[in-house]
Amino acid sequence: MATVSARPHSEGRQYFDPIGFLQKIVAMDSCDPPGREFEIAKLVHAELLALGIEADLDQFLPGRANVLGRIRGTGEKTALVFSSHMDTVPVGTVPWQRWPFSGEVENGRLYGRGATDMKSALAAMIAAAGKLAKESRQKLKGDVILAFTAGESANLLGARRFAEQGLKEEIGAFLCGEPSDLDVVIVEKAALWLRATATGRLGHVSGAAGVNAIDLIHQFLARLYALDLKGPQHPLLDEQTLRVGRIQGGSAVNLTPDHCTVDFDIRLHPGVDHKEIVEKVSQLASADVSISILDFKPAVESQPDDTFVKLCVDVCGRHRGLPPEIRGVSYYSDGTVLLDGLSVPFAIIGPGALGLSGQPDESVSIENVLKAVDIYEDVALAWLS
């Protein structure tokens, strides 16, 4: 695979249309799986260069690519990272009222997969970066880094690639554009993905019955659903949760299945030891069922009195015309990888609406997108002044 570096246009384009650009990228299918972010990444890379912003395009797997942009400051402060991803969740099987990749605009909303999660933030961050590069380059005491990733929605492939390349060492503050309705999110749950594998014995309906692996999983799930996940309450989060996402087993209707797997997702509060949860789950498994960890994505949290959080709240309130709510969310972001082991300021501000991610007829408020442009610009100016 290859990384493409290029010099930005010396003067930079005078204007970037975030809504027109959002329509373009919503019309480009980047559902993960399989992702196919490379075409969007090429367009993002070209736009950054046209705006006078340094940018690298890194295709690290076939069809999968990151874009890293940079507006250089004086180096007196550490960098502020704008984080967004270019992939989306799948369209799903529920019928849509509109074509999922239309980018159609109606009654002040733009429709299509990724409109909320989170191509709208991607477009707004590019627009804000263009304004910063044009008007404020000499005012910034630290770099603004645009970390635009592939594969966030499932396995955080792009964020892991950035971590391998050393981006974590540069992060001084982290502003993510995941959906927040322009409220300020300061905590996201940890995500623990586990797999239970049942091993039975093949049999046939006309002969020896064997041992049914699907039955073993069924019995395990009955015990799993009774697992008590209650822990200390968190003021900004709902309860810890367990959800089954996938079951696979059996090869023919008249054969006893000798193998069955179930994958499940557990969302945990900050500070909860996921290894203790794995042990509790393992104790529920019979001798024929084994438990393995598919992935663990640590929680990310800032405190309400953090200076960066206060700044984000102030800027959002000014542009919204009313104070934003400080919130917590159950989703994860690229921050779970890029901030793991770090102690740096973190916040999520996105134009997309909470609860619309992955829904049919996903849409975003155009007004929110335009407000997000100004919010991102003003946070950068204030934080790096």
Protein backbone atom coordinates (compact mmCIF):
# COMPACT_ATOMS: atom_id res chain seq x y z
CA MET A 1 0.00 0.00 0.00
CA ALA A 2 1.10 3.60 -0.36
CA THR A 3 1.09 6.98 1.33
CA VAL A 4 0.66 10.03 -0.88
CA SER A 5 2.13 13.30 0.32
CA ALA A 6 1.71 16.49 -1.63
CA ARG A 7 2.33 20.17 -1.22
CA PRO A 8 -0.81 22.24 -0.62
CA HIS A 9 -1.81 24.94 -3.04
CA SER A 10 0.18 27.98 -1.97
CA GLU A 11 -2.70 30.43 -1.57
CA GLY A 12 -5.59 28.06 -0.95
CA ARG A 13 -9.10 28.10 -2.29
CA GLN A 14 -11.16 31.06 -1.13
CA TYR A 15 -14.36 29.16 -0.32
CA PHE A 16 -15.39 25.64 0.64
CA ASP A 17 -19.06 24.62 0.57
CA PRO A 18 -19.59 22.12 3.42
CA ILE A 19 -23.15 21.27 2.40
CA GLY A 20 -22.29 20.65 -1.24
CA PHE A 21 -19.31 18.56 -0.17
CA LEU A 22 -21.47 16.62 2.30
CA GLN A 23 -23.88 15.78 -0.52
CA LYS A 24 -20.98 14.43 -2.56
CA ILE A 25 -19.61 12.15 0.14
CA VAL A 26 -23.03 10.92 1.32
CA ALA A 27 -23.59 9.83 -2.29
CA MET A 28 -20.44 7.67 -2.02
CA ASP A 29 -21.07 4.27 -0.45
CA SER A 30 -18.54 3.64 2.34
CA CYS A 31 -20.55 1.17 4.42
CA ASP A 32 -18.35 -1.01 6.61
CA PRO A 33 -18.10 -3.83 5.75
CA PRO A 34 -16.37 -3.56 3.36
CA GLY A 35 -15.62 0.16 3.87
CA ARG A 36 -14.24 1.33 0.53
CA GLU A 37 -13.25 4.67 2.03
CA PHE A 38 -10.44 5.18 -0.47
CA GLU A 39 -12.55 7.13 -2.98
CA ILE A 40 -13.78 9.49 -0.25
CA ALA A 41 -10.25 9.76 1.14
CA LYS A 42 -8.94 10.84 -2.27
CA LEU A 43 -11.60 13.55 -2.45
CA VAL A 44 -10.91 14.73 1.12
CA HIS A 45 -7.17 14.78 0.43
CA ALA A 46 -7.65 16.86 -2.71
CA GLU A 47 -9.93 19.33 -0.93
CA LEU A 48 -7.45 19.85 1.91
CA LEU A 49 -4.64 20.55 -0.55
CA ALA A 50 -6.86 22.97 -2.46
CA LEU A 51 -7.54 24.81 0.81
CA GLY A 52 -3.81 25.24 1.41
CA ILE A 53 -3.58 22.53 4.08
CA GLU A 54 -0.80 19.95 4.29
CA ALA A 55 -2.28 16.49 3.82
CA ASP A 56 -1.18 12.86 3.49
CA LEU A 57 -3.30 10.10 1.97
CA ASP A 58 -2.47 6.67 3.38
CA GLN A 59 -4.02 3.63 1.69
CA PHE A 60 -2.98 1.02 4.24
CA LEU A 61 -5.19 -1.84 2.98
CA PRO A 62 -6.91 -2.38 -0.36
CA GLY A 63 -9.70 0.19 -0.50
CA ARG A 64 -9.03 1.42 3.07
CA ALA A 65 -7.36 4.77 3.62
CA ASN A 66 -6.74 7.49 6.20
CA VAL A 67 -6.17 11.18 5.60
CA LEU A 68 -3.97 13.24 7.92
CA GLY A 69 -4.11 17.01 7.52
CA ARG A 70 -2.11 19.59 9.40
CA ILE A 71 -2.26 23.34 9.93
CA ARG A 72 1.02 24.25 11.55
CA GLY A 73 1.19 26.57 14.53
CA THR A 74 4.21 28.08 16.23
CA GLY A 75 4.92 24.99 18.34
CA GLU A 76 4.36 26.75 21.66
CA LYS A 77 1.48 24.39 22.46
CA THR A 78 0.72 20.76 21.74
CA ALA A 79 -1.61 19.88 18.90
CA LEU A 80 -5.39 19.93 18.83
CA VAL A 81 -6.78 16.94 16.93
CA PHE A 82 -10.02 17.09 14.96
CA SER A 83 -11.24 13.49 14.69
CA SER A 84 -13.73 12.13 12.17
CA HIS A 85 -14.27 8.91 10.22
CA MET A 86 -15.18 8.28 6.60
CA ASP A 87 -16.94 4.92 6.88
CA THR A 88 -20.56 4.29 7.83
CA VAL A 89 -22.61 1.43 9.18
CA PRO A 90 -24.52 -0.67 6.61
CA VAL A 91 -27.82 0.48 5.11
CA GLY A 92 -29.71 -2.43 6.68
CA THR A 93 -32.76 -4.32 5.43
CA VAL A 94 -35.53 -1.97 6.60
CA PRO A 95 -36.88 0.00 3.60
CA TRP A 96 -35.89 3.66 3.28
CA GLN A 97 -38.23 6.39 2.09
CA ARG A 98 -35.30 7.92 0.17
CA TRP A 99 -32.36 6.39 -1.67
CA PRO A 100 -29.71 5.88 1.08
CA PHE A 101 -27.01 7.60 -0.99
CA SER A 102 -29.05 10.45 -2.40
CA GLY A 103 -27.78 13.38 -0.31
CA GLU A 104 -31.25 14.81 -0.84
CA VAL A 105 -32.08 18.08 0.94
CA GLU A 106 -35.59 18.77 2.18
CA ASN A 107 -36.96 21.09 4.89
CA GLY A 108 -33.52 22.01 6.16
CA ARG A 109 -32.23 18.44 6.46
CA LEU A 110 -29.81 16.44 4.35
CA TYR A 111 -30.63 12.74 3.99
CA GLY A 112 -28.49 9.65 3.44
CA ARG A 113 -26.37 7.02 5.15
CA GLY A 114 -23.62 8.80 7.07
CA ALA A 115 -25.39 12.17 7.18
CA THR A 116 -25.46 12.03 10.98
CA ASP A 117 -22.71 9.47 11.63
CA MET A 118 -20.55 11.19 10.73
CA LYS A 119 -19.86 12.63 7.31
CA SER A 120 -21.49 15.88 8.41
CA ALA A 121 -18.76 16.41 11.00
CA LEU A 122 -16.13 15.50 8.42
CA ALA A 123 -17.42 18.21 6.07
CA ALA A 124 -17.68 20.74 8.91
CA MET A 125 -14.14 20.04 10.12
CA ILE A 126 -12.74 20.50 6.61
CA ALA A 127 -14.61 23.81 6.31
CA ALA A 128 -13.33 24.98 9.71
CA ALA A 129 -9.79 23.94 8.81
CA GLY A 130 -10.03 25.89 5.55
CA LYS A 131 -10.97 29.03 7.46
CA LEU A 132 -8.20 28.47 10.00
CA ALA A 133 -5.61 27.96 7.26
CA LYS A 134 -6.69 31.10 5.43
CA GLU A 135 -7.21 33.51 8.31
CA SER A 136 -5.46 32.31 11.42
CA ARG A 137 -2.26 30.47 10.60
CA GLN A 138 -0.06 32.99 12.40
CA LYS A 139 -2.36 33.08 15.45
CA LEU A 140 -2.13 29.40 16.31
CA LYS A 141 0.39 28.40 18.97
CA GLY A 142 -0.05 24.71 18.20
CA ASP A 143 -0.86 22.55 15.22
CA VAL A 144 -4.40 21.62 14.23
CA ILE A 145 -4.29 17.99 13.09
CA LEU A 146 -7.12 16.53 11.01
CA ALA A 147 -7.27 12.80 11.74
CA PHE A 148 -9.78 11.31 9.28
CA THR A 149 -10.04 7.55 9.48
CA ALA A 150 -11.26 4.39 7.80
CA GLY A 151 -13.00 1.57 9.58
CA GLU A 152 -14.14 3.26 12.79
CA SER A 153 -17.61 1.74 12.82
CA ALA A 154 -16.43 -1.82 13.48
CA ASN A 155 -12.79 -2.37 14.39
CA LEU A 156 -11.22 1.10 14.41
CA LEU A 157 -8.75 0.13 11.69
CA GLY A 158 -7.82 3.69 10.81
CA ALA A 159 -7.29 4.81 14.39
CA ARG A 160 -5.07 1.79 15.04
CA ARG A 161 -3.07 2.70 11.94
CA PHE A 162 -2.61 6.26 13.21
CA ALA A 163 -1.52 4.89 16.59
CA GLU A 164 1.09 2.68 14.89
CA GLN A 165 2.39 5.75 13.06
CA GLY A 166 2.91 7.68 16.32
CA LEU A 167 0.02 10.15 16.21
CA LYS A 168 -0.74 9.61 19.90
CA GLU A 169 2.55 11.26 20.82
CA GLU A 170 1.36 14.56 19.34
CA ILE A 171 -2.11 14.83 20.87
CA GLY A 172 -2.57 17.74 23.25
CA ALA A 173 -6.37 17.87 23.06
CA PHE A 174 -8.92 15.81 21.16
CA LEU A 175 -12.15 17.07 19.61
CA CYS A 176 -14.30 14.38 18.00
CA GLY A 177 -17.25 14.99 15.67
CA GLU A 178 -19.40 11.96 16.51
CA PRO A 179 -23.13 12.74 16.83
CA SER A 180 -24.02 14.92 19.83
CA ASP A 181 -26.71 17.36 18.59
CA LEU A 182 -24.11 20.07 19.31
CA ASP A 183 -24.21 19.16 22.99
CA VAL A 184 -20.85 18.38 24.62
CA VAL A 185 -20.16 14.70 25.25
CA ILE A 186 -17.40 14.02 27.76
CA VAL A 187 -17.68 10.29 28.44
CA GLU A 188 -18.22 7.20 26.31
CA LYS A 189 -18.62 3.64 27.56
CA ALA A 190 -16.11 0.85 27.10
CA ALA A 191 -17.06 -1.84 24.58
CA LEU A 192 -16.19 -5.47 25.35
CA TRP A 193 -16.82 -7.93 22.50
CA LEU A 194 -16.86 -11.60 23.44
CA ARG A 195 -17.47 -14.86 21.60
CA ALA A 196 -18.86 -18.06 23.07
CA THR A 197 -18.02 -21.20 21.08
CA ALA A 198 -19.90 -24.41 21.70
CA THR A 199 -18.44 -27.75 20.57
CA GLY A 200 -20.96 -30.57 20.14
CA ARG A 201 -20.87 -33.89 18.31
CA LEU A 202 -22.19 -34.42 14.79
CA GLY A 203 -25.28 -36.58 14.49
CA HIS A 204 -28.11 -37.38 12.07
CA VAL A 205 -31.86 -37.50 12.56
CA SER A 206 -31.97 -41.08 11.26
CA GLY A 207 -29.22 -42.37 13.52
CA ALA A 208 -27.12 -41.32 16.51
CA ALA A 209 -28.37 -37.95 17.72
CA GLY A 210 -24.98 -36.51 18.66
CA VAL A 211 -24.64 -33.41 20.87
CA ASN A 212 -26.37 -30.27 19.61
CA ALA A 213 -24.03 -27.25 19.80
CA ILE A 214 -26.93 -24.87 19.20
CA ASP A 215 -28.68 -26.29 22.27
CA LEU A 216 -25.48 -25.74 24.27
CA ILE A 217 -25.41 -22.09 23.19
CA HIS A 218 -29.11 -21.73 23.97
CA GLN A 219 -28.50 -22.96 27.51
CA PHE A 220 -25.50 -20.67 27.87
CA LEU A 221 -27.49 -17.64 26.69
CA ALA A 222 -30.18 -18.31 29.29
CA ARG A 223 -27.51 -18.02 31.98
CA LEU A 224 -25.83 -15.06 30.26
CA TYR A 225 -29.01 -12.98 30.13
CA ALA A 226 -29.35 -13.41 33.89
CA LEU A 227 -25.86 -11.96 34.49
CA ASP A 228 -26.00 -9.00 36.86
CA LEU A 229 -24.08 -6.12 35.25
CA LYS A 230 -25.13 -3.54 37.79
CA GLY A 231 -22.26 -1.48 39.12
CA PRO A 232 -21.67 1.99 40.51
CA GLN A 233 -23.93 4.58 38.88
CA HIS A 234 -22.42 7.16 36.55
CA PRO A 235 -24.07 10.60 36.50
CA LEU A 236 -23.93 10.88 32.69
CA LEU A 237 -24.46 7.27 31.59
CA ASP A 238 -27.32 4.79 31.59
CA GLU A 239 -26.90 1.22 32.83
CA GLN A 240 -24.26 -1.17 31.59
CA THR A 241 -25.65 -3.37 28.83
CA LEU A 242 -25.26 -6.77 27.16
CA ARG A 243 -26.49 -7.39 23.62
CA VAL A 244 -26.17 -10.45 21.37
CA GLY A 245 -25.17 -9.43 17.85
CA ARG A 246 -24.52 -12.61 15.87
CA ILE A 247 -25.14 -16.37 16.08
CA GLN A 248 -23.72 -18.94 13.65
CA GLY A 249 -24.19 -22.68 13.76
CA GLY A 250 -25.30 -25.76 11.88
CA SER A 251 -24.68 -26.96 8.36
CA ALA A 252 -27.88 -28.80 7.35
CA VAL A 253 -31.40 -29.09 8.72
CA ASN A 254 -31.12 -32.87 9.18
CA LEU A 255 -27.68 -32.87 10.84
CA THR A 256 -27.02 -32.24 14.52
CA PRO A 257 -24.76 -29.15 14.62
CA ASP A 258 -21.38 -29.84 16.17
CA HIS A 259 -20.32 -26.19 16.26
CA CYS A 260 -22.03 -22.92 17.18
CA THR A 261 -20.76 -19.45 18.06
CA VAL A 262 -22.44 -16.39 19.51
CA ASP A 263 -20.86 -12.91 19.54
CA PHE A 264 -22.05 -10.39 22.09
CA ASP A 265 -21.35 -6.80 23.07
CA ILE A 266 -21.05 -5.57 26.65
CA ARG A 267 -20.91 -1.82 27.33
CA LEU A 268 -19.21 -0.84 30.59
CA HIS A 269 -18.74 2.28 32.63
CA PRO A 270 -15.30 3.90 33.03
CA GLY A 271 -13.25 2.24 35.75
CA VAL A 272 -14.88 -1.19 35.47
CA ASP A 273 -12.30 -3.98 35.11
CA HIS A 274 -13.29 -5.78 31.91
CA LYS A 275 -11.20 -8.80 32.93
CA GLU A 276 -13.52 -9.35 35.90
CA ILE A 277 -16.49 -9.32 33.51
CA VAL A 278 -14.77 -11.88 31.27
CA GLU A 279 -14.23 -14.08 34.31
CA LYS A 280 -17.90 -13.81 35.32
CA VAL A 281 -19.00 -14.76 31.81
CA SER A 282 -16.54 -17.67 31.72
CA GLN A 283 -18.02 -19.04 34.94
CA LEU A 284 -21.39 -19.30 33.16
CA ALA A 285 -19.99 -21.52 30.41
CA SER A 286 -20.23 -25.30 30.55
CA ALA A 287 -17.29 -27.57 29.74
CA ASP A 288 -18.39 -27.62 26.08
CA VAL A 289 -18.47 -23.82 25.74
CA SER A 290 -15.36 -21.65 25.56
CA ILE A 291 -15.15 -17.85 25.88
CA SER A 292 -12.77 -15.66 23.91
CA ILE A 293 -12.24 -11.89 23.68
CA LEU A 294 -12.84 -10.45 20.21
CA ASP A 295 -11.99 -6.87 21.16
CA PHE A 296 -11.91 -4.44 24.04
CA LYS A 297 -12.34 -0.72 23.49
CA PRO A 298 -11.60 1.25 26.68
CA ALA A 299 -13.89 3.99 27.96
CA VAL A 300 -12.89 7.61 27.40
CA GLU A 301 -13.77 10.34 29.88
CA SER A 302 -13.16 13.98 30.70
CA GLN A 303 -14.44 15.86 33.73
CA PRO A 304 -17.04 18.66 33.55
CA ASP A 305 -14.65 21.12 35.18
CA ASP A 306 -11.84 20.42 32.69
CA THR A 307 -10.63 23.63 31.05
CA PHE A 308 -11.09 22.26 27.53
CA VAL A 309 -14.59 21.02 28.34
CA LYS A 310 -15.52 24.43 29.75
CA LEU A 311 -14.22 26.07 26.58
CA CYS A 312 -16.28 23.72 24.39
CA VAL A 313 -19.39 24.40 26.47
CA ASP A 314 -18.87 28.16 26.19
CA VAL A 315 -18.30 28.10 22.41
CA CYS A 316 -21.26 25.79 21.79
CA GLY A 317 -23.52 27.95 23.94
CA ARG A 318 -22.52 31.06 22.04
CA HIS A 319 -23.30 29.56 18.62
CA ARG A 320 -26.41 27.64 19.69
CA GLY A 321 -27.93 30.54 21.60
CA LEU A 322 -28.50 28.33 24.66
CA PRO A 323 -26.21 26.32 26.94
CA PRO A 324 -25.40 22.83 25.66
CA GLU A 325 -26.04 19.79 27.78
CA ILE A 326 -23.00 17.90 29.08
CA ARG A 327 -23.64 14.27 28.20
CA GLY A 328 -22.38 10.72 28.14
CA VAL A 329 -22.91 8.15 25.38
CA SER A 330 -22.89 4.39 24.88
CA TYR A 331 -21.08 4.50 21.54
CA TYR A 332 -17.32 4.45 21.08
CA SER A 333 -15.17 6.70 18.92
CA ASP A 334 -11.63 6.72 17.53
CA GLY A 335 -10.71 8.22 20.89
CA THR A 336 -10.83 4.77 22.49
CA VAL A 337 -7.68 3.90 20.52
CA LEU A 338 -5.98 7.27 20.11
CA LEU A 339 -6.44 8.35 23.75
CA ASP A 340 -5.79 4.98 25.39
CA GLY A 341 -3.11 5.50 28.03
CA LEU A 342 -3.10 9.28 27.59
CA SER A 343 -4.33 11.98 29.95
CA VAL A 344 -5.36 14.75 27.59
CA PRO A 345 -8.53 16.86 27.24
CA PHE A 346 -11.32 15.20 25.28
CA ALA A 347 -14.76 16.21 24.05
CA ILE A 348 -17.27 15.20 21.38
CA ILE A 349 -19.22 17.86 19.50
CA GLY A 350 -21.05 16.77 16.37
CA PRO A 351 -23.87 18.18 14.24
CA GLY A 352 -25.53 14.78 13.93
CA ALA A 353 -28.40 13.77 16.20
CA LEU A 354 -27.97 11.17 18.90
CA GLY A 355 -30.08 8.14 18.10
CA LEU A 356 -30.06 8.53 14.30
CA SER A 357 -26.90 6.51 13.72
CA GLY A 358 -27.71 3.39 11.72
CA GLN A 359 -31.38 4.30 11.28
CA PRO A 360 -33.25 4.26 7.96
CA ASP A 361 -33.69 7.72 6.45
CA GLU A 362 -30.73 9.01 8.46
CA SER A 363 -30.46 12.78 8.19
CA VAL A 364 -28.75 15.83 9.63
CA SER A 365 -29.80 19.40 10.24
CA ILE A 366 -28.09 21.73 7.76
CA GLU A 367 -28.20 24.49 10.36
CA ASN A 368 -26.29 22.25 12.78
CA VAL A 369 -23.62 21.53 10.16
CA LEU A 370 -23.02 25.22 9.55
CA LYS A 371 -22.94 25.95 13.28
CA ALA A 372 -20.44 23.12 13.74
CA VAL A 373 -18.06 24.81 11.28
CA ASP A 374 -17.98 27.94 13.45
CA ILE A 375 -17.76 25.92 16.69
CA TYR A 376 -14.76 23.91 15.50
CA GLU A 377 -12.99 27.04 14.27
CA ASP A 378 -13.59 28.98 17.47
CA VAL A 379 -12.53 26.09 19.74
CA ALA A 380 -9.25 25.85 17.83
CA LEU A 381 -8.65 29.59 17.94
CA ALA A 382 -9.35 29.82 21.66
CA TRP A 383 -7.47 26.66 22.68
CA LEU A 384 -4.38 27.44 20.61
CA SER A 385 -4.23 31.17 21.31
